[in-house]
Amino acid sequence: MKATELRIGNWYQVMTIGGYWHNRTMTVENLQSIDGCSIDVAKPIPLTEEWLERFGFEIKKGAWGTSAEIRVGRVRYVLYQNRNVWSINPTDGFRVDFKYIHTVQNHYFALTGQELNQNKDEK
């Protein structure tokens, strides 16, 4: 992962001296140093239902699969899950797949001009 993939406020993981992975949010202070880290020290956080709920998405499960929806004013931002891959607009011929939290954060910001912030404290 390179620093150019991340914006301030994006979430990623770092390995501590004890060998444990910890979630971190990108700040001005650490934006310059992540490129110096190997992939063993910094990595993207996989996109999961738990993380989508932290960001305020409503998870809906049905016979057709799982979706996650959040509203921005009158606009609906909806992700669909198919075989452990989250995507947007999966049925109209144009599809964007997401594997990591920071990619959804960046896409959401590009479309809405607003940050995708956590609703609750990190656990």
PDB file of N, CA and C in Angstrom:
ATOM      1  N   MET A   1       0.850  -1.164   0.000  1.00  0.00           N
ATOM      2  CA  MET A   1       0.000   0.000   0.000  1.00  0.00           C
ATOM      3  C   MET A   1       0.897   1.229   0.000  1.00  0.00           C
ATOM      4  N   LYS A   2       0.519   2.219  -0.806  1.00  0.00           N
ATOM      5  CA  LYS A   2       1.294   3.455  -0.894  1.00  0.00           C
ATOM      6  C   LYS A   2       0.503   4.609  -0.285  1.00  0.00           C
ATOM      7  N   ALA A   3       1.220   5.633   0.154  1.00  0.00           N
ATOM      8  CA  ALA A   3       0.564   6.803   0.742  1.00  0.00           C
ATOM      9  C   ALA A   3      -0.370   7.465  -0.258  1.00  0.00           C
ATOM     10  N   THR A   4      -0.110   7.352  -1.545  1.00  0.00           N
ATOM     11  CA  THR A   4      -0.972   7.976  -2.556  1.00  0.00           C
ATOM     12  C   THR A   4      -2.352   7.345  -2.610  1.00  0.00           C
ATOM     13  N   GLU A   5      -2.505   6.146  -2.047  1.00  0.00           N
ATOM     14  CA  GLU A   5      -3.815   5.492  -1.998  1.00  0.00           C
ATOM     15  C   GLU A   5      -4.675   6.032  -0.866  1.00  0.00           C
ATOM     16  N   LEU A   6      -4.063   6.698   0.104  1.00  0.00           N
ATOM     17  CA  LEU A   6      -4.767   7.111   1.306  1.00  0.00           C
ATOM     18  C   LEU A   6      -4.960   8.615   1.370  1.00  0.00           C
ATOM     19  N   ARG A   7      -6.081   9.010   1.942  1.00  0.00           N
ATOM     20  CA  ARG A   7      -6.365  10.404   2.252  1.00  0.00           C
ATOM     21  C   ARG A   7      -6.404  10.527   3.773  1.00  0.00           C
ATOM     22  N   ILE A   8      -6.251  11.733   4.265  1.00  0.00           N
ATOM     23  CA  ILE A   8      -6.362  11.952   5.706  1.00  0.00           C
ATOM     24  C   ILE A   8      -7.753  11.511   6.142  1.00  0.00           C
ATOM     25  N   GLY A   9      -7.813  10.711   7.198  1.00  0.00           N
ATOM     26  CA  GLY A   9      -9.073  10.168   7.695  1.00  0.00           C
ATOM     27  C   GLY A   9      -9.324   8.736   7.269  1.00  0.00           C
ATOM     28  N   ASN A  10      -8.576   8.221   6.263  1.00  0.00           N
ATOM     29  CA  ASN A  10      -8.729   6.823   5.844  1.00  0.00           C
ATOM     30  C   ASN A  10      -8.209   5.898   6.932  1.00  0.00           C
ATOM     31  N   TRP A  11      -8.799   4.707   7.007  1.00  0.00           N
ATOM     32  CA  TRP A  11      -8.395   3.702   7.977  1.00  0.00           C
ATOM     33  C   TRP A  11      -7.481   2.676   7.326  1.00  0.00           C
ATOM     34  N   TYR A  12      -6.484   2.200   8.074  1.00  0.00           N
ATOM     35  CA  TYR A  12      -5.552   1.168   7.643  1.00  0.00           C
ATOM     36  C   TYR A  12      -5.036   0.460   8.893  1.00  0.00           C
ATOM     37  N   GLN A  13      -4.197  -0.557   8.727  1.00  0.00           N
ATOM     38  CA  GLN A  13      -3.660  -1.290   9.872  1.00  0.00           C
ATOM     39  C   GLN A  13      -2.135  -1.219   9.891  1.00  0.00           C
ATOM     40  N   VAL A  14      -1.570  -1.221  11.096  1.00  0.00           N
ATOM     41  CA  VAL A  14      -0.119  -1.298  11.271  1.00  0.00           C
ATOM     42  C   VAL A  14       0.198  -2.413  12.261  1.00  0.00           C
ATOM     43  N   MET A  15       1.384  -3.004  12.083  1.00  0.00           N
ATOM     44  CA  MET A  15       1.828  -4.037  12.996  1.00  0.00           C
ATOM     45  C   MET A  15       2.693  -3.409  14.077  1.00  0.00           C
ATOM     46  N   THR A  16       2.374  -3.719  15.309  1.00  0.00           N
ATOM     47  CA  THR A  16       3.146  -3.188  16.436  1.00  0.00           C
ATOM     48  C   THR A  16       4.376  -4.060  16.678  1.00  0.00           C
ATOM     49  N   ILE A  17       5.219  -3.610  17.581  1.00  0.00           N
ATOM     50  CA  ILE A  17       6.435  -4.344  17.915  1.00  0.00           C
ATOM     51  C   ILE A  17       6.100  -5.754  18.394  1.00  0.00           C
ATOM     52  N   GLY A  18       4.997  -5.927  19.095  1.00  0.00           N
ATOM     53  CA  GLY A  18       4.597  -7.245  19.584  1.00  0.00           C
ATOM     54  C   GLY A  18       4.010  -8.152  18.522  1.00  0.00           C
ATOM     55  N   GLY A  19       3.872  -7.656  17.287  1.00  0.00           N
ATOM     56  CA  GLY A  19       3.347  -8.474  16.198  1.00  0.00           C
ATOM     57  C   GLY A  19       1.842  -8.463  16.065  1.00  0.00           C
ATOM     58  N   TYR A  20       1.176  -7.519  16.730  1.00  0.00           N
ATOM     59  CA  TYR A  20      -0.278  -7.421  16.640  1.00  0.00           C
ATOM     60  C   TYR A  20      -0.672  -6.344  15.634  1.00  0.00           C
ATOM     61  N   TRP A  21      -1.768  -6.578  14.901  1.00  0.00           N
ATOM     62  CA  TRP A  21      -2.288  -5.586  13.960  1.00  0.00           C
ATOM     63  C   TRP A  21      -3.240  -4.646  14.693  1.00  0.00           C
ATOM     64  N   HIS A  22      -3.069  -3.346  14.480  1.00  0.00           N
ATOM     65  CA  HIS A  22      -3.929  -2.341  15.095  1.00  0.00           C
ATOM     66  C   HIS A  22      -4.474  -1.411  14.026  1.00  0.00           C
ATOM     67  N   ASN A  23      -5.745  -1.047  14.170  1.00  0.00           N
ATOM     68  CA  ASN A  23      -6.372  -0.111  13.238  1.00  0.00           C
ATOM     69  C   ASN A  23      -5.905   1.299  13.547  1.00  0.00           C
ATOM     70  N   ARG A  24      -5.621   2.048  12.497  1.00  0.00           N
ATOM     71  CA  ARG A  24      -5.187   3.440  12.625  1.00  0.00           C
ATOM     72  C   ARG A  24      -5.907   4.275  11.585  1.00  0.00           C
ATOM     73  N   THR A  25      -6.024   5.560  11.866  1.00  0.00           N
ATOM     74  CA  THR A  25      -6.580   6.479  10.885  1.00  0.00           C
ATOM     75  C   THR A  25      -5.456   7.380  10.384  1.00  0.00           C
ATOM     76  N   MET A  26      -5.479   7.694   9.098  1.00  0.00           N
ATOM     77  CA  MET A  26      -4.427   8.498   8.484  1.00  0.00           C
ATOM     78  C   MET A  26      -4.504   9.932   8.995  1.00  0.00           C
ATOM     79  N   THR A  27      -3.361  10.458   9.428  1.00  0.00           N
ATOM     80  CA  THR A  27      -3.253  11.840   9.882  1.00  0.00           C
ATOM     81  C   THR A  27      -2.153  12.537   9.089  1.00  0.00           C
ATOM     82  N   VAL A  28      -2.058  13.827   9.228  1.00  0.00           N
ATOM     83  CA  VAL A  28      -0.999  14.581   8.559  1.00  0.00           C
ATOM     84  C   VAL A  28       0.366  14.059   8.994  1.00  0.00           C
ATOM     85  N   GLU A  29       0.516  13.739  10.263  1.00  0.00           N
ATOM     86  CA  GLU A  29       1.797  13.292  10.798  1.00  0.00           C
ATOM     87  C   GLU A  29       2.274  11.981  10.184  1.00  0.00           C
ATOM     88  N   ASN A  30       1.375  11.030   9.947  1.00  0.00           N
ATOM     89  CA  ASN A  30       1.840   9.737   9.439  1.00  0.00           C
ATOM     90  C   ASN A  30       1.675   9.567   7.933  1.00  0.00           C
ATOM     91  N   LEU A  31       1.137  10.558   7.246  1.00  0.00           N
ATOM     92  CA  LEU A  31       0.949  10.460   5.796  1.00  0.00           C
ATOM     93  C   LEU A  31       2.279  10.303   5.069  1.00  0.00           C
ATOM     94  N   GLN A  32       3.320  10.958   5.549  1.00  0.00           N
ATOM     95  CA  GLN A  32       4.617  10.901   4.876  1.00  0.00           C
ATOM     96  C   GLN A  32       5.387   9.621   5.173  1.00  0.00           C
ATOM     97  N   SER A  33       5.111   8.956   6.250  1.00  0.00           N
ATOM     98  CA  SER A  33       5.936   7.820   6.641  1.00  0.00           C
ATOM     99  C   SER A  33       5.426   6.476   6.153  1.00  0.00           C
ATOM    100  N   ILE A  34       4.191   6.357   5.707  1.00  0.00           N
ATOM    101  CA  ILE A  34       3.663   5.045   5.352  1.00  0.00           C
ATOM    102  C   ILE A  34       4.378   4.448   4.144  1.00  0.00           C
ATOM    103  N   ASP A  35       4.809   5.270   3.188  1.00  0.00           N
ATOM    104  CA  ASP A  35       5.539   4.721   2.049  1.00  0.00           C
ATOM    105  C   ASP A  35       6.844   4.062   2.462  1.00  0.00           C
ATOM    106  N   GLY A  36       7.427   4.490   3.576  1.00  0.00           N
ATOM    107  CA  GLY A  36       8.657   3.890   4.067  1.00  0.00           C
ATOM    108  C   GLY A  36       8.433   2.558   4.751  1.00  0.00           C
ATOM    109  N   CYS A  37       7.194   2.221   5.039  1.00  0.00           N
ATOM    110  CA  CYS A  37       6.872   0.964   5.715  1.00  0.00           C
ATOM    111  C   CYS A  37       6.722  -0.154   4.692  1.00  0.00           C
ATOM    112  N   SER A  38       7.110  -1.354   5.077  1.00  0.00           N
ATOM    113  CA  SER A  38       6.880  -2.500   4.202  1.00  0.00           C
ATOM    114  C   SER A  38       5.426  -2.937   4.344  1.00  0.00           C
ATOM    115  N   ILE A  39       4.987  -3.780   3.456  1.00  0.00           N
ATOM    116  CA  ILE A  39       3.610  -4.275   3.515  1.00  0.00           C
ATOM    117  C   ILE A  39       3.371  -5.061   4.801  1.00  0.00           C
ATOM    118  N   ASP A  40       4.436  -5.549   5.452  1.00  0.00           N
ATOM    119  CA  ASP A  40       4.303  -6.261   6.716  1.00  0.00           C
ATOM    120  C   ASP A  40       3.977  -5.328   7.874  1.00  0.00           C
ATOM    121  N   VAL A  41       4.205  -4.041   7.692  1.00  0.00           N
ATOM    122  CA  VAL A  41       3.999  -3.077   8.768  1.00  0.00           C
ATOM    123  C   VAL A  41       2.714  -2.284   8.574  1.00  0.00           C
ATOM    124  N   ALA A  42       2.318  -2.018   7.349  1.00  0.00           N
ATOM    125  CA  ALA A  42       1.085  -1.279   7.068  1.00  0.00           C
ATOM    126  C   ALA A  42       0.307  -2.017   5.989  1.00  0.00           C
ATOM    127  N   LYS A  43      -0.987  -2.134   6.200  1.00  0.00           N
ATOM    128  CA  LYS A  43      -1.815  -2.813   5.200  1.00  0.00           C
ATOM    129  C   LYS A  43      -3.226  -2.247   5.254  1.00  0.00           C
ATOM    130  N   PRO A  44      -3.974  -2.411   4.162  1.00  0.00           N
ATOM    131  CA  PRO A  44      -5.358  -1.940   4.156  1.00  0.00           C
ATOM    132  C   PRO A  44      -6.240  -2.821   5.031  1.00  0.00           C
ATOM    133  N   ILE A  45      -7.350  -2.261   5.496  1.00  0.00           N
ATOM    134  CA  ILE A  45      -8.312  -3.012   6.313  1.00  0.00           C
ATOM    135  C   ILE A  45      -9.382  -3.576   5.387  1.00  0.00           C
ATOM    136  N   PRO A  46      -9.610  -4.885   5.428  1.00  0.00           N
ATOM    137  CA  PRO A  46     -10.652  -5.482   4.593  1.00  0.00           C
ATOM    138  C   PRO A  46     -12.030  -4.887   4.908  1.00  0.00           C
ATOM    139  N   LEU A  47     -12.836  -4.733   3.882  1.00  0.00           N
ATOM    140  CA  LEU A  47     -14.182  -4.191   4.020  1.00  0.00           C
ATOM    141  C   LEU A  47     -15.110  -5.288   4.527  1.00  0.00           C
ATOM    142  N   THR A  48     -15.783  -5.021   5.645  1.00  0.00           N
ATOM    143  CA  THR A  48     -16.695  -5.995   6.253  1.00  0.00           C
ATOM    144  C   THR A  48     -18.004  -5.307   6.627  1.00  0.00           C
ATOM    145  N   GLU A  49     -19.019  -6.113   6.911  1.00  0.00           N
ATOM    146  CA  GLU A  49     -20.292  -5.565   7.379  1.00  0.00           C
ATOM    147  C   GLU A  49     -20.092  -4.745   8.643  1.00  0.00           C
ATOM    148  N   GLU A  50     -19.243  -5.229   9.557  1.00  0.00           N
ATOM    149  CA  GLU A  50     -18.996  -4.513  10.807  1.00  0.00           C
ATOM    150  C   GLU A  50     -18.465  -3.103  10.536  1.00  0.00           C
ATOM    151  N   TRP A  51     -17.509  -2.992   9.619  1.00  0.00           N
ATOM    152  CA  TRP A  51     -16.955  -1.668   9.311  1.00  0.00           C
ATOM    153  C   TRP A  51     -17.993  -0.780   8.628  1.00  0.00           C
ATOM    154  N   LEU A  52     -18.798  -1.341   7.739  1.00  0.00           N
ATOM    155  CA  LEU A  52     -19.835  -0.541   7.091  1.00  0.00           C
ATOM    156  C   LEU A  52     -20.833  -0.015   8.127  1.00  0.00           C
ATOM    157  N   GLU A  53     -21.185  -0.844   9.104  1.00  0.00           N
ATOM    158  CA  GLU A  53     -22.079  -0.396  10.175  1.00  0.00           C
ATOM    159  C   GLU A  53     -21.427   0.717  10.992  1.00  0.00           C
ATOM    160  N   ARG A  54     -20.132   0.615  11.240  1.00  0.00           N
ATOM    161  CA  ARG A  54     -19.424   1.676  11.968  1.00  0.00           C
ATOM    162  C   ARG A  54     -19.536   3.020  11.246  1.00  0.00           C
ATOM    163  N   PHE A  55     -19.582   2.963   9.924  1.00  0.00           N
ATOM    164  CA  PHE A  55     -19.680   4.188   9.132  1.00  0.00           C
ATOM    165  C   PHE A  55     -21.123   4.639   8.920  1.00  0.00           C
ATOM    166  N   GLY A  56     -22.079   3.940   9.515  1.00  0.00           N
ATOM    167  CA  GLY A  56     -23.469   4.371   9.436  1.00  0.00           C
ATOM    168  C   GLY A  56     -24.290   3.704   8.361  1.00  0.00           C
ATOM    169  N   PHE A  57     -23.753   2.706   7.676  1.00  0.00           N
ATOM    170  CA  PHE A  57     -24.521   1.984   6.659  1.00  0.00           C
ATOM    171  C   PHE A  57     -25.554   1.091   7.339  1.00  0.00           C
ATOM    172  N   GLU A  58     -26.704   0.987   6.715  1.00  0.00           N
ATOM    173  CA  GLU A  58     -27.730   0.050   7.168  1.00  0.00           C
ATOM    174  C   GLU A  58     -27.559  -1.232   6.370  1.00  0.00           C
ATOM    175  N   ILE A  59     -27.340  -2.344   7.053  1.00  0.00           N
ATOM    176  CA  ILE A  59     -27.145  -3.635   6.401  1.00  0.00           C
ATOM    177  C   ILE A  59     -28.507  -4.294   6.212  1.00  0.00           C
ATOM    178  N   LYS A  60     -28.760  -4.751   4.982  1.00  0.00           N
ATOM    179  CA  LYS A  60     -30.015  -5.441   4.676  1.00  0.00           C
ATOM    180  C   LYS A  60     -29.678  -6.785   4.060  1.00  0.00           C
ATOM    181  N   LYS A  61     -30.301  -7.838   4.603  1.00  0.00           N
ATOM    182  CA  LYS A  61     -30.084  -9.179   4.068  1.00  0.00           C
ATOM    183  C   LYS A  61     -31.388  -9.683   3.484  1.00  0.00           C
ATOM    184  N   GLY A  62     -31.284 -10.287   2.313  1.00  0.00           N
ATOM    185  CA  GLY A  62     -32.456 -10.833   1.664  1.00  0.00           C
ATOM    186  C   GLY A  62     -32.091 -12.064   0.863  1.00  0.00           C
ATOM    187  N   ALA A  63     -33.067 -12.631   0.200  1.00  0.00           N
ATOM    188  CA  ALA A  63     -32.831 -13.830  -0.606  1.00  0.00           C
ATOM    189  C   ALA A  63     -31.853 -13.551  -1.739  1.00  0.00           C
ATOM    190  N   TRP A  64     -31.796 -12.326  -2.190  1.00  0.00           N
ATOM    191  CA  TRP A  64     -30.918 -11.920  -3.296  1.00  0.00           C
ATOM    192  C   TRP A  64     -29.511 -11.600  -2.849  1.00  0.00           C
ATOM    193  N   GLY A  65     -29.274 -11.501  -1.542  1.00  0.00           N
ATOM    194  CA  GLY A  65     -27.936 -11.209  -1.042  1.00  0.00           C
ATOM    195  C   GLY A  65     -27.953 -10.136   0.020  1.00  0.00           C
ATOM    196  N   THR A  66     -26.817  -9.498   0.229  1.00  0.00           N
ATOM    197  CA  THR A  66     -26.658  -8.482   1.257  1.00  0.00           C
ATOM    198  C   THR A  66     -26.366  -7.143   0.616  1.00  0.00           C
ATOM    199  N   SER A  67     -26.964  -6.092   1.171  1.00  0.00           N
ATOM    200  CA  SER A  67     -26.658  -4.736   0.713  1.00  0.00           C
ATOM    201  C   SER A  67     -26.371  -3.862   1.932  1.00  0.00           C
ATOM    202  N   ALA A  68     -25.677  -2.773   1.680  1.00  0.00           N
ATOM    203  CA  ALA A  68     -25.372  -1.788   2.718  1.00  0.00           C
ATOM    204  C   ALA A  68     -25.707  -0.424   2.133  1.00  0.00           C
ATOM    205  N   GLU A  69     -26.531   0.335   2.847  1.00  0.00           N
ATOM    206  CA  GLU A  69     -27.024   1.612   2.312  1.00  0.00           C
ATOM    207  C   GLU A  69     -26.815   2.733   3.315  1.00  0.00           C
ATOM    208  N   ILE A  70     -26.437   3.900   2.785  1.00  0.00           N
ATOM    209  CA  ILE A  70     -26.346   5.116   3.581  1.00  0.00           C
ATOM    210  C   ILE A  70     -26.909   6.244   2.726  1.00  0.00           C
ATOM    211  N   ARG A  71     -27.572   7.188   3.366  1.00  0.00           N
ATOM    212  CA  ARG A  71     -28.163   8.323   2.639  1.00  0.00           C
ATOM    213  C   ARG A  71     -27.355   9.580   2.891  1.00  0.00           C
ATOM    214  N   VAL A  72     -27.181  10.356   1.835  1.00  0.00           N
ATOM    215  CA  VAL A  72     -26.534  11.664   1.900  1.00  0.00           C
ATOM    216  C   VAL A  72     -27.545  12.640   1.309  1.00  0.00           C
ATOM    217  N   GLY A  73     -28.298  13.292   2.184  1.00  0.00           N
ATOM    218  CA  GLY A  73     -29.390  14.129   1.683  1.00  0.00           C
ATOM    219  C   GLY A  73     -30.405  13.248   0.972  1.00  0.00           C
ATOM    220  N   ARG A  74     -30.649  13.549  -0.309  1.00  0.00           N
ATOM    221  CA  ARG A  74     -31.599  12.751  -1.090  1.00  0.00           C
ATOM    222  C   ARG A  74     -30.914  11.647  -1.892  1.00  0.00           C
ATOM    223  N   VAL A  75     -29.607  11.536  -1.779  1.00  0.00           N
ATOM    224  CA  VAL A  75     -28.851  10.545  -2.542  1.00  0.00           C
ATOM    225  C   VAL A  75     -28.644   9.284  -1.708  1.00  0.00           C
ATOM    226  N   ARG A  76     -28.861   8.133  -2.322  1.00  0.00           N
ATOM    227  CA  ARG A  76     -28.596   6.846  -1.671  1.00  0.00           C
ATOM    228  C   ARG A  76     -27.280   6.292  -2.197  1.00  0.00           C
ATOM    229  N   TYR A  77     -26.402   5.899  -1.312  1.00  0.00           N
ATOM    230  CA  TYR A  77     -25.140   5.248  -1.663  1.00  0.00           C
ATOM    231  C   TYR A  77     -25.291   3.801  -1.222  1.00  0.00           C
ATOM    232  N   VAL A  78     -25.366   2.882  -2.177  1.00  0.00           N
ATOM    233  CA  VAL A  78     -25.663   1.483  -1.868  1.00  0.00           C
ATOM    234  C   VAL A  78     -24.553   0.574  -2.391  1.00  0.00           C
ATOM    235  N   LEU A  79     -24.067  -0.282  -1.513  1.00  0.00           N
ATOM    236  CA  LEU A  79     -23.104  -1.322  -1.881  1.00  0.00           C
ATOM    237  C   LEU A  79     -23.807  -2.669  -1.824  1.00  0.00           C
ATOM    238  N   TYR A  80     -23.420  -3.570  -2.717  1.00  0.00           N
ATOM    239  CA  TYR A  80     -23.973  -4.922  -2.744  1.00  0.00           C
ATOM    240  C   TYR A  80     -22.848  -5.922  -2.539  1.00  0.00           C
ATOM    241  N   GLN A  81     -23.147  -6.994  -1.814  1.00  0.00           N
ATOM    242  CA  GLN A  81     -22.141  -8.028  -1.577  1.00  0.00           C
ATOM    243  C   GLN A  81     -22.492  -9.270  -2.381  1.00  0.00           C
ATOM    244  N   ASN A  82     -21.504  -9.772  -3.103  1.00  0.00           N
ATOM    245  CA  ASN A  82     -21.663 -10.999  -3.864  1.00  0.00           C
ATOM    246  C   ASN A  82     -20.362 -11.784  -3.737  1.00  0.00           C
ATOM    247  N   ARG A  83     -20.432 -12.943  -3.146  1.00  0.00           N
ATOM    248  CA  ARG A  83     -19.248 -13.788  -2.953  1.00  0.00           C
ATOM    249  C   ARG A  83     -18.121 -13.045  -2.246  1.00  0.00           C
ATOM    250  N   ASN A  84     -18.443 -12.391  -1.162  1.00  0.00           N
ATOM    251  CA  ASN A  84     -17.474 -11.671  -0.317  1.00  0.00           C
ATOM    252  C   ASN A  84     -16.827 -10.477  -1.000  1.00  0.00           C
ATOM    253  N   VAL A  85     -17.404  -9.996  -2.091  1.00  0.00           N
ATOM    254  CA  VAL A  85     -16.921  -8.778  -2.745  1.00  0.00           C
ATOM    255  C   VAL A  85     -18.031  -7.743  -2.674  1.00  0.00           C
ATOM    256  N   TRP A  86     -17.703  -6.551  -2.170  1.00  0.00           N
ATOM    257  CA  TRP A  86     -18.658  -5.452  -2.128  1.00  0.00           C
ATOM    258  C   TRP A  86     -18.501  -4.632  -3.395  1.00  0.00           C
ATOM    259  N   SER A  87     -19.606  -4.214  -3.992  1.00  0.00           N
ATOM    260  CA  SER A  87     -19.550  -3.421  -5.213  1.00  0.00           C
ATOM    261  C   SER A  87     -20.694  -2.419  -5.246  1.00  0.00           C
ATOM    262  N   ILE A  88     -20.549  -1.461  -6.145  1.00  0.00           N
ATOM    263  CA  ILE A  88     -21.590  -0.462  -6.349  1.00  0.00           C
ATOM    264  C   ILE A  88     -22.082  -0.596  -7.785  1.00  0.00           C
ATOM    265  N   ASN A  89     -23.385  -0.449  -7.990  1.00  0.00           N
ATOM    266  CA  ASN A  89     -24.017  -0.582  -9.306  1.00  0.00           C
ATOM    267  C   ASN A  89     -23.691  -1.901  -9.991  1.00  0.00           C
ATOM    268  N   PRO A  90     -23.982  -3.026  -9.352  1.00  0.00           N
ATOM    269  CA  PRO A  90     -23.573  -4.302  -9.931  1.00  0.00           C
ATOM    270  C   PRO A  90     -24.436  -4.792 -11.095  1.00  0.00           C
ATOM    271  N   THR A  91     -25.571  -4.137 -11.385  1.00  0.00           N
ATOM    272  CA  THR A  91     -26.467  -4.693 -12.397  1.00  0.00           C
ATOM    273  C   THR A  91     -26.612  -3.862 -13.659  1.00  0.00           C
ATOM    274  N   ASP A  92     -26.056  -2.665 -13.714  1.00  0.00           N
ATOM    275  CA  ASP A  92     -26.283  -1.840 -14.895  1.00  0.00           C
ATOM    276  C   ASP A  92     -25.113  -1.835 -15.877  1.00  0.00           C
ATOM    277  N   GLY A  93     -24.213  -2.806 -15.765  1.00  0.00           N
ATOM    278  CA  GLY A  93     -23.108  -2.908 -16.701  1.00  0.00           C
ATOM    279  C   GLY A  93     -21.839  -2.199 -16.260  1.00  0.00           C
ATOM    280  N   PHE A  94     -21.929  -1.268 -15.326  1.00  0.00           N
ATOM    281  CA  PHE A  94     -20.749  -0.588 -14.793  1.00  0.00           C
ATOM    282  C   PHE A  94     -20.644  -0.949 -13.337  1.00  0.00           C
ATOM    283  N   ARG A  95     -19.564  -1.585 -12.974  1.00  0.00           N
ATOM    284  CA  ARG A  95     -19.430  -2.092 -11.613  1.00  0.00           C
ATOM    285  C   ARG A  95     -18.060  -1.718 -11.063  1.00  0.00           C
ATOM    286  N   VAL A  96     -18.033  -1.257  -9.812  1.00  0.00           N
ATOM    287  CA  VAL A  96     -16.799  -0.968  -9.104  1.00  0.00           C
ATOM    288  C   VAL A  96     -16.766  -1.871  -7.880  1.00  0.00           C
ATOM    289  N   ASP A  97     -15.706  -2.677  -7.780  1.00  0.00           N
ATOM    290  CA  ASP A  97     -15.550  -3.576  -6.635  1.00  0.00           C
ATOM    291  C   ASP A  97     -14.677  -2.931  -5.576  1.00  0.00           C
ATOM    292  N   PHE A  98     -15.004  -3.219  -4.323  1.00  0.00           N
ATOM    293  CA  PHE A  98     -14.248  -2.691  -3.188  1.00  0.00           C
ATOM    294  C   PHE A  98     -13.821  -3.840  -2.292  1.00  0.00           C
ATOM    295  N   LYS A  99     -12.543  -3.867  -1.926  1.00  0.00           N
ATOM    296  CA  LYS A  99     -12.036  -4.865  -0.990  1.00  0.00           C
ATOM    297  C   LYS A  99     -11.659  -4.230   0.341  1.00  0.00           C
ATOM    298  N   TYR A 100     -11.345  -2.927   0.330  1.00  0.00           N
ATOM    299  CA  TYR A 100     -10.778  -2.283   1.504  1.00  0.00           C
ATOM    300  C   TYR A 100     -11.545  -1.031   1.897  1.00  0.00           C
ATOM    301  N   ILE A 101     -11.497  -0.723   3.186  1.00  0.00           N
ATOM    302  CA  ILE A 101     -12.196   0.424   3.740  1.00  0.00           C
ATOM    303  C   ILE A 101     -11.778   1.727   3.067  1.00  0.00           C
ATOM    304  N   HIS A 102     -10.475   1.952   2.911  1.00  0.00           N
ATOM    305  CA  HIS A 102     -10.028   3.241   2.380  1.00  0.00           C
ATOM    306  C   HIS A 102     -10.520   3.477   0.960  1.00  0.00           C
ATOM    307  N   THR A 103     -10.746   2.405   0.171  1.00  0.00           N
ATOM    308  CA  THR A 103     -11.236   2.613  -1.189  1.00  0.00           C
ATOM    309  C   THR A 103     -12.692   3.081  -1.178  1.00  0.00           C
ATOM    310  N   VAL A 104     -13.503   2.550  -0.256  1.00  0.00           N
ATOM    311  CA  VAL A 104     -14.890   3.022  -0.124  1.00  0.00           C
ATOM    312  C   VAL A 104     -14.899   4.464   0.390  1.00  0.00           C
ATOM    313  N   GLN A 105     -14.033   4.764   1.374  1.00  0.00           N
ATOM    314  CA  GLN A 105     -13.959   6.135   1.885  1.00  0.00           C
ATOM    315  C   GLN A 105     -13.632   7.111   0.759  1.00  0.00           C
ATOM    316  N   ASN A 106     -12.669   6.769  -0.089  1.00  0.00           N
ATOM    317  CA  ASN A 106     -12.271   7.660  -1.179  1.00  0.00           C
ATOM    318  C   ASN A 106     -13.366   7.795  -2.233  1.00  0.00           C
ATOM    319  N   HIS A 107     -14.019   6.691  -2.581  1.00  0.00           N
ATOM    320  CA  HIS A 107     -15.098   6.723  -3.575  1.00  0.00           C
ATOM    321  C   HIS A 107     -16.277   7.547  -3.062  1.00  0.00           C
ATOM    322  N   TYR A 108     -16.640   7.319  -1.817  1.00  0.00           N
ATOM    323  CA  TYR A 108     -17.744   8.059  -1.197  1.00  0.00           C
ATOM    324  C   TYR A 108     -17.453   9.561  -1.217  1.00  0.00           C
ATOM    325  N   PHE A 109     -16.230   9.942  -0.860  1.00  0.00           N
ATOM    326  CA  PHE A 109     -15.858  11.354  -0.859  1.00  0.00           C
ATOM    327  C   PHE A 109     -15.904  11.934  -2.275  1.00  0.00           C
ATOM    328  N   ALA A 110     -15.425  11.181  -3.254  1.00  0.00           N
ATOM    329  CA  ALA A 110     -15.433  11.661  -4.637  1.00  0.00           C
ATOM    330  C   ALA A 110     -16.855  11.902  -5.147  1.00  0.00           C
ATOM    331  N   LEU A 111     -17.801  11.064  -4.720  1.00  0.00           N
ATOM    332  CA  LEU A 111     -19.184  11.205  -5.188  1.00  0.00           C
ATOM    333  C   LEU A 111     -19.996  12.231  -4.400  1.00  0.00           C
ATOM    334  N   THR A 112     -19.724  12.354  -3.093  1.00  0.00           N
ATOM    335  CA  THR A 112     -20.578  13.193  -2.253  1.00  0.00           C
ATOM    336  C   THR A 112     -19.910  14.475  -1.777  1.00  0.00           C
ATOM    337  N   GLY A 113     -18.571  14.510  -1.786  1.00  0.00           N
ATOM    338  CA  GLY A 113     -17.857  15.659  -1.231  1.00  0.00           C
ATOM    339  C   GLY A 113     -17.843  15.660   0.283  1.00  0.00           C
ATOM    340  N   GLN A 114     -18.286  14.564   0.886  1.00  0.00           N
ATOM    341  CA  GLN A 114     -18.325  14.451   2.345  1.00  0.00           C
ATOM    342  C   GLN A 114     -17.482  13.271   2.803  1.00  0.00           C
ATOM    343  N   GLU A 115     -16.948  13.381   4.022  1.00  0.00           N
ATOM    344  CA  GLU A 115     -16.172  12.291   4.594  1.00  0.00           C
ATOM    345  C   GLU A 115     -17.100  11.199   5.109  1.00  0.00           C
ATOM    346  N   LEU A 116     -16.634   9.980   5.032  1.00  0.00           N
ATOM    347  CA  LEU A 116     -17.340   8.839   5.593  1.00  0.00           C
ATOM    348  C   LEU A 116     -16.717   8.583   6.954  1.00  0.00           C
ATOM    349  N   ASN A 117     -17.389   9.011   8.016  1.00  0.00           N
ATOM    350  CA  ASN A 117     -16.841   8.956   9.375  1.00  0.00           C
ATOM    351  C   ASN A 117     -17.468   7.839  10.175  1.00  0.00           C
ATOM    352  N   GLN A 118     -16.708   7.324  11.134  1.00  0.00           N
ATOM    353  CA  GLN A 118     -17.226   6.293  12.034  1.00  0.00           C
ATOM    354  C   GLN A 118     -18.283   6.871  12.952  1.00  0.00           C
ATOM    355  N   ASN A 119     -19.286   6.062  13.246  1.00  0.00           N
ATOM    356  CA  ASN A 119     -20.334   6.466  14.186  1.00  0.00           C
ATOM    357  C   ASN A 119     -20.011   6.115  15.623  1.00  0.00           C
ATOM    358  N   LYS A 120     -19.080   5.178  15.826  1.00  0.00           N
ATOM    359  CA  LYS A 120     -18.754   4.760  17.191  1.00  0.00           C
ATOM    360  C   LYS A 120     -17.247   4.597  17.321  1.00  0.00           C
ATOM    361  N   ASP A 121     -16.800   4.483  18.543  1.00  0.00           N
ATOM    362  CA  ASP A 121     -15.376   4.361  18.812  1.00  0.00           C
ATOM    363  C   ASP A 121     -14.825   3.044  18.299  1.00  0.00           C
ATOM    364  N   GLU A 122     -13.555   3.060  17.944  1.00  0.00           N
ATOM    365  CA  GLU A 122     -12.867   1.842  17.513  1.00  0.00           C
ATOM    366  C   GLU A 122     -12.792   0.867  18.667  1.00  0.00           C
ATOM    367  N   LYS A 123     -12.978  -0.408  18.349  1.00  0.00           N
ATOM    368  CA  LYS A 123     -12.895  -1.456  19.377  1.00  0.00           C
ATOM    369  C   LYS A 123     -11.645  -2.248  19.175  1.00  0.00           C
TER     370      LYS A 123
END
